[in-house]
Amino acid sequence: MESKKFKMIDEGFKCILCGEMVEPLKYSARDHCPYCLTSIHIDINPGDRLNECKGILKPIDIEKYKDTFKIIYKCDKCGMIHKNIMASDDDMDMIINLSKKEK
């Protein structure tokens, strides 16, 4: 069951950082680039597109979450820390490199 604060928006986009064309995820809402893992700080609640910040969410770390991982982001504009569940098509080398960063 989806949370009332979750608005399902699964759309393709051109990544603001690496320029790759990103296809919709097709099983959940696409919220970051699978090539460079970058996102944009556009939501207050998932899918609402109400955040006025619009900064770039840069991946800074990974944490274990159930049977997958969450990507931990830091906004380059407002400094907010945000987490997104990794997608099935994310670049696994990028995920591994993030997990190896010195803590």
N, C-alpha and C. Protein backbone atom coordinates (compact mmCIF):
# COMPACT_ATOMS: atom_id res chain seq x y z
N MET A 1 0.84 -1.18 0.00
CA MET A 1 0.00 0.00 0.00
C MET A 1 0.89 1.25 0.00
N GLU A 2 0.61 2.19 -0.91
CA GLU A 2 1.38 3.40 -1.00
C GLU A 2 0.98 4.39 0.09
N SER A 3 1.95 5.10 0.60
CA SER A 3 1.70 6.15 1.57
C SER A 3 0.91 7.27 0.91
N LYS A 4 0.05 7.94 1.68
CA LYS A 4 -0.70 9.07 1.14
C LYS A 4 0.23 10.21 0.75
N LYS A 5 1.44 10.22 1.27
CA LYS A 5 2.41 11.26 0.94
C LYS A 5 3.23 10.89 -0.30
N PHE A 6 2.99 9.73 -0.89
CA PHE A 6 3.74 9.27 -2.06
C PHE A 6 2.90 9.47 -3.30
N LYS A 7 3.40 10.24 -4.25
CA LYS A 7 2.73 10.44 -5.53
C LYS A 7 3.56 9.75 -6.60
N MET A 8 2.95 8.77 -7.26
CA MET A 8 3.67 7.97 -8.25
C MET A 8 3.91 8.76 -9.53
N ILE A 9 5.16 9.16 -9.73
CA ILE A 9 5.56 9.80 -10.98
C ILE A 9 6.78 9.04 -11.49
N ASP A 10 6.58 8.31 -12.57
CA ASP A 10 7.67 7.54 -13.18
C ASP A 10 7.86 8.04 -14.60
N GLU A 11 8.75 8.99 -14.73
CA GLU A 11 8.95 9.60 -16.04
C GLU A 11 10.42 9.61 -16.41
N GLY A 12 10.67 9.62 -17.70
CA GLY A 12 12.04 9.71 -18.17
C GLY A 12 12.52 11.15 -18.11
N PHE A 13 13.83 11.34 -18.18
CA PHE A 13 14.40 12.69 -18.14
C PHE A 13 15.84 12.63 -18.64
N LYS A 14 16.38 13.81 -18.94
CA LYS A 14 17.79 13.93 -19.28
C LYS A 14 18.52 14.33 -17.99
N CYS A 15 19.53 13.58 -17.60
CA CYS A 15 20.25 13.84 -16.36
C CYS A 15 20.94 15.20 -16.42
N ILE A 16 20.73 15.98 -15.38
CA ILE A 16 21.30 17.33 -15.29
C ILE A 16 22.82 17.30 -15.12
N LEU A 17 23.37 16.17 -14.63
CA LEU A 17 24.81 16.10 -14.39
C LEU A 17 25.56 15.42 -15.54
N CYS A 18 25.17 14.18 -15.88
CA CYS A 18 25.93 13.43 -16.89
C CYS A 18 25.35 13.54 -18.30
N GLY A 19 24.12 14.05 -18.42
CA GLY A 19 23.51 14.25 -19.73
C GLY A 19 22.88 13.03 -20.36
N GLU A 20 22.91 11.89 -19.67
CA GLU A 20 22.31 10.66 -20.21
C GLU A 20 20.79 10.78 -20.24
N MET A 21 20.17 10.15 -21.23
CA MET A 21 18.71 10.05 -21.27
C MET A 21 18.31 8.88 -20.38
N VAL A 22 17.44 9.13 -19.44
CA VAL A 22 17.03 8.13 -18.45
C VAL A 22 15.59 7.73 -18.72
N GLU A 23 15.37 6.43 -18.88
CA GLU A 23 14.03 5.89 -19.15
C GLU A 23 13.24 5.74 -17.85
N PRO A 24 11.90 5.72 -17.93
CA PRO A 24 11.10 5.44 -16.74
C PRO A 24 11.50 4.09 -16.13
N LEU A 25 11.30 3.93 -14.83
CA LEU A 25 11.72 2.73 -14.12
C LEU A 25 10.76 1.56 -14.36
N LYS A 26 9.48 1.84 -14.50
CA LYS A 26 8.43 0.87 -14.82
C LYS A 26 7.96 0.00 -13.66
N TYR A 27 8.57 0.11 -12.47
CA TYR A 27 8.03 -0.64 -11.33
C TYR A 27 7.87 0.25 -10.11
N SER A 28 8.43 1.44 -10.15
CA SER A 28 8.30 2.42 -9.08
C SER A 28 8.64 3.78 -9.68
N ALA A 29 8.61 4.81 -8.88
CA ALA A 29 8.91 6.14 -9.38
C ALA A 29 10.41 6.32 -9.59
N ARG A 30 10.78 6.78 -10.76
CA ARG A 30 12.19 7.06 -11.06
C ARG A 30 12.57 8.33 -10.32
N ASP A 31 13.60 8.27 -9.48
CA ASP A 31 13.96 9.46 -8.70
C ASP A 31 15.44 9.83 -8.79
N HIS A 32 16.21 9.11 -9.59
CA HIS A 32 17.61 9.47 -9.78
C HIS A 32 18.15 8.83 -11.05
N CYS A 33 19.28 9.33 -11.51
CA CYS A 33 19.93 8.81 -12.71
C CYS A 33 20.63 7.49 -12.39
N PRO A 34 20.37 6.43 -13.16
CA PRO A 34 21.03 5.15 -12.89
C PRO A 34 22.49 5.11 -13.32
N TYR A 35 22.92 6.10 -14.10
CA TYR A 35 24.30 6.13 -14.61
C TYR A 35 25.26 6.81 -13.63
N CYS A 36 24.87 7.98 -13.10
CA CYS A 36 25.74 8.71 -12.17
C CYS A 36 25.14 8.82 -10.78
N LEU A 37 23.93 8.30 -10.59
CA LEU A 37 23.19 8.25 -9.32
C LEU A 37 22.73 9.62 -8.82
N THR A 38 22.87 10.66 -9.61
CA THR A 38 22.48 12.01 -9.22
C THR A 38 20.96 12.18 -9.26
N SER A 39 20.46 13.06 -8.39
CA SER A 39 19.05 13.38 -8.35
C SER A 39 18.91 14.89 -8.24
N ILE A 40 17.68 15.38 -8.28
CA ILE A 40 17.42 16.81 -8.11
C ILE A 40 16.50 16.98 -6.91
N HIS A 41 16.75 17.98 -6.10
CA HIS A 41 15.97 18.25 -4.90
C HIS A 41 14.67 18.95 -5.27
N ILE A 42 13.71 18.16 -5.80
CA ILE A 42 12.45 18.74 -6.29
C ILE A 42 11.22 18.36 -5.48
N ASP A 43 11.33 17.37 -4.61
CA ASP A 43 10.17 16.91 -3.84
C ASP A 43 10.30 17.24 -2.36
N ILE A 44 9.17 17.55 -1.73
CA ILE A 44 9.08 17.60 -0.28
C ILE A 44 8.68 16.20 0.19
N ASN A 45 7.59 15.69 -0.39
CA ASN A 45 7.18 14.29 -0.24
C ASN A 45 7.33 13.65 -1.61
N PRO A 46 7.67 12.35 -1.66
CA PRO A 46 7.96 11.71 -2.95
C PRO A 46 6.91 11.98 -4.03
N GLY A 47 7.37 12.56 -5.14
CA GLY A 47 6.52 12.80 -6.30
C GLY A 47 5.72 14.08 -6.30
N ASP A 48 5.80 14.89 -5.23
CA ASP A 48 4.94 16.08 -5.19
C ASP A 48 5.49 17.27 -5.98
N ARG A 49 6.78 17.28 -6.28
CA ARG A 49 7.44 18.35 -7.06
C ARG A 49 7.22 19.74 -6.46
N LEU A 50 7.12 19.82 -5.12
CA LEU A 50 6.83 21.08 -4.45
C LEU A 50 8.04 21.76 -3.81
N ASN A 51 9.21 21.14 -3.88
CA ASN A 51 10.38 21.75 -3.25
C ASN A 51 10.94 22.83 -4.16
N GLU A 52 11.13 24.01 -3.63
CA GLU A 52 11.65 25.13 -4.41
C GLU A 52 13.17 25.14 -4.51
N CYS A 53 13.86 24.29 -3.78
CA CYS A 53 15.32 24.28 -3.75
C CYS A 53 15.92 24.02 -5.14
N LYS A 54 15.56 22.90 -5.74
CA LYS A 54 16.04 22.50 -7.07
C LYS A 54 17.55 22.29 -7.15
N GLY A 55 18.19 22.08 -5.99
CA GLY A 55 19.63 21.81 -5.99
C GLY A 55 19.91 20.40 -6.50
N ILE A 56 21.18 20.13 -6.75
CA ILE A 56 21.59 18.80 -7.20
C ILE A 56 21.87 17.94 -5.97
N LEU A 57 21.21 16.78 -5.91
CA LEU A 57 21.44 15.81 -4.85
C LEU A 57 22.56 14.90 -5.30
N LYS A 58 23.72 15.04 -4.66
CA LYS A 58 24.89 14.26 -5.03
C LYS A 58 25.03 13.06 -4.10
N PRO A 59 25.27 11.87 -4.66
CA PRO A 59 25.42 10.69 -3.80
C PRO A 59 26.70 10.78 -2.97
N ILE A 60 26.55 10.55 -1.66
CA ILE A 60 27.72 10.64 -0.78
C ILE A 60 27.99 9.34 -0.02
N ASP A 61 27.01 8.44 0.03
CA ASP A 61 27.20 7.20 0.79
C ASP A 61 26.09 6.22 0.44
N ILE A 62 26.20 5.02 1.00
CA ILE A 62 25.23 3.94 0.82
C ILE A 62 24.95 3.35 2.19
N GLU A 63 23.70 2.92 2.40
CA GLU A 63 23.40 2.18 3.62
C GLU A 63 22.53 0.98 3.27
N LYS A 64 22.72 -0.11 4.00
CA LYS A 64 21.91 -1.32 3.81
C LYS A 64 20.48 -1.01 4.20
N TYR A 65 19.53 -1.49 3.41
CA TYR A 65 18.11 -1.30 3.68
C TYR A 65 17.37 -2.56 3.24
N LYS A 66 16.86 -3.32 4.21
CA LYS A 66 16.18 -4.59 3.94
C LYS A 66 17.08 -5.45 3.05
N ASP A 67 16.59 -5.83 1.86
CA ASP A 67 17.39 -6.68 0.97
C ASP A 67 18.05 -5.88 -0.17
N THR A 68 18.15 -4.57 0.03
CA THR A 68 18.76 -3.71 -0.99
C THR A 68 19.58 -2.63 -0.29
N PHE A 69 19.75 -1.50 -0.94
CA PHE A 69 20.51 -0.39 -0.37
C PHE A 69 19.78 0.92 -0.58
N LYS A 70 20.08 1.90 0.25
CA LYS A 70 19.63 3.27 0.05
C LYS A 70 20.85 4.10 -0.30
N ILE A 71 20.67 4.98 -1.27
CA ILE A 71 21.70 5.95 -1.62
C ILE A 71 21.48 7.17 -0.75
N ILE A 72 22.53 7.63 -0.10
CA ILE A 72 22.44 8.82 0.74
C ILE A 72 22.97 10.00 -0.06
N TYR A 73 22.16 11.04 -0.12
CA TYR A 73 22.48 12.23 -0.90
C TYR A 73 22.68 13.44 -0.01
N LYS A 74 23.46 14.40 -0.53
CA LYS A 74 23.54 15.71 0.09
C LYS A 74 23.27 16.74 -1.00
N CYS A 75 22.34 17.65 -0.71
CA CYS A 75 21.99 18.69 -1.67
C CYS A 75 23.12 19.72 -1.75
N ASP A 76 23.55 20.02 -2.97
CA ASP A 76 24.65 20.98 -3.14
C ASP A 76 24.21 22.43 -2.94
N LYS A 77 22.91 22.65 -2.78
CA LYS A 77 22.40 24.01 -2.61
C LYS A 77 22.03 24.30 -1.15
N CYS A 78 21.20 23.43 -0.55
CA CYS A 78 20.72 23.70 0.81
C CYS A 78 21.39 22.82 1.87
N GLY A 79 22.13 21.79 1.44
CA GLY A 79 22.84 20.92 2.38
C GLY A 79 22.02 19.81 3.00
N MET A 80 20.74 19.70 2.65
CA MET A 80 19.88 18.66 3.22
C MET A 80 20.38 17.27 2.84
N ILE A 81 20.30 16.34 3.78
CA ILE A 81 20.62 14.94 3.53
C ILE A 81 19.31 14.24 3.17
N HIS A 82 19.35 13.42 2.12
CA HIS A 82 18.15 12.74 1.61
C HIS A 82 18.54 11.32 1.24
N LYS A 83 17.61 10.38 1.33
CA LYS A 83 17.88 8.99 0.98
C LYS A 83 16.86 8.48 -0.04
N ASN A 84 17.35 7.72 -1.02
CA ASN A 84 16.51 7.05 -2.01
C ASN A 84 16.92 5.59 -2.10
N ILE A 85 15.95 4.72 -2.27
CA ILE A 85 16.25 3.30 -2.48
C ILE A 85 16.87 3.15 -3.86
N MET A 86 17.92 2.36 -3.96
CA MET A 86 18.55 2.15 -5.26
C MET A 86 17.58 1.46 -6.22
N ALA A 87 17.73 1.71 -7.49
CA ALA A 87 16.90 1.10 -8.52
C ALA A 87 17.60 -0.13 -9.09
N SER A 88 16.83 -1.01 -9.69
CA SER A 88 17.37 -2.27 -10.21
C SER A 88 18.38 -2.04 -11.33
N ASP A 89 18.32 -0.91 -12.02
CA ASP A 89 19.24 -0.65 -13.13
C ASP A 89 20.37 0.33 -12.77
N ASP A 90 20.54 0.63 -11.49
CA ASP A 90 21.63 1.52 -11.08
C ASP A 90 22.99 0.89 -11.40
N ASP A 91 23.94 1.75 -11.72
CA ASP A 91 25.31 1.32 -12.01
C ASP A 91 25.91 0.73 -10.73
N MET A 92 26.06 -0.60 -10.70
CA MET A 92 26.53 -1.28 -9.50
C MET A 92 27.96 -0.90 -9.15
N ASP A 93 28.78 -0.58 -10.13
CA ASP A 93 30.14 -0.12 -9.84
C ASP A 93 30.10 1.19 -9.04
N MET A 94 29.17 2.08 -9.38
CA MET A 94 29.02 3.33 -8.64
C MET A 94 28.56 3.05 -7.20
N ILE A 95 27.64 2.11 -7.04
CA ILE A 95 27.16 1.73 -5.70
C ILE A 95 28.33 1.19 -4.87
N ILE A 96 29.10 0.29 -5.46
CA ILE A 96 30.25 -0.31 -4.76
C ILE A 96 31.27 0.76 -4.38
N ASN A 97 31.56 1.68 -5.31
CA ASN A 97 32.52 2.75 -5.02
C ASN A 97 32.04 3.63 -3.87
N LEU A 98 30.75 3.92 -3.82
CA LEU A 98 30.22 4.71 -2.71
C LEU A 98 30.36 3.98 -1.39
N SER A 99 30.17 2.65 -1.42
CA SER A 99 30.26 1.88 -0.19
C SER A 99 31.70 1.79 0.33
N LYS A 100 32.67 2.01 -0.55
CA LYS A 100 34.08 1.93 -0.17
C LYS A 100 34.66 3.25 0.32
N LYS A 101 33.87 4.33 0.21
CA LYS A 101 34.38 5.63 0.64
C LYS A 101 34.74 5.59 2.11
N GLU A 102 35.78 6.33 2.46
CA GLU A 102 36.17 6.41 3.87
C GLU A 102 35.08 7.12 4.64
N LYS A 103 34.78 6.58 5.80
CA LYS A 103 33.72 7.15 6.64
C LYS A 103 34.32 8.07 7.65
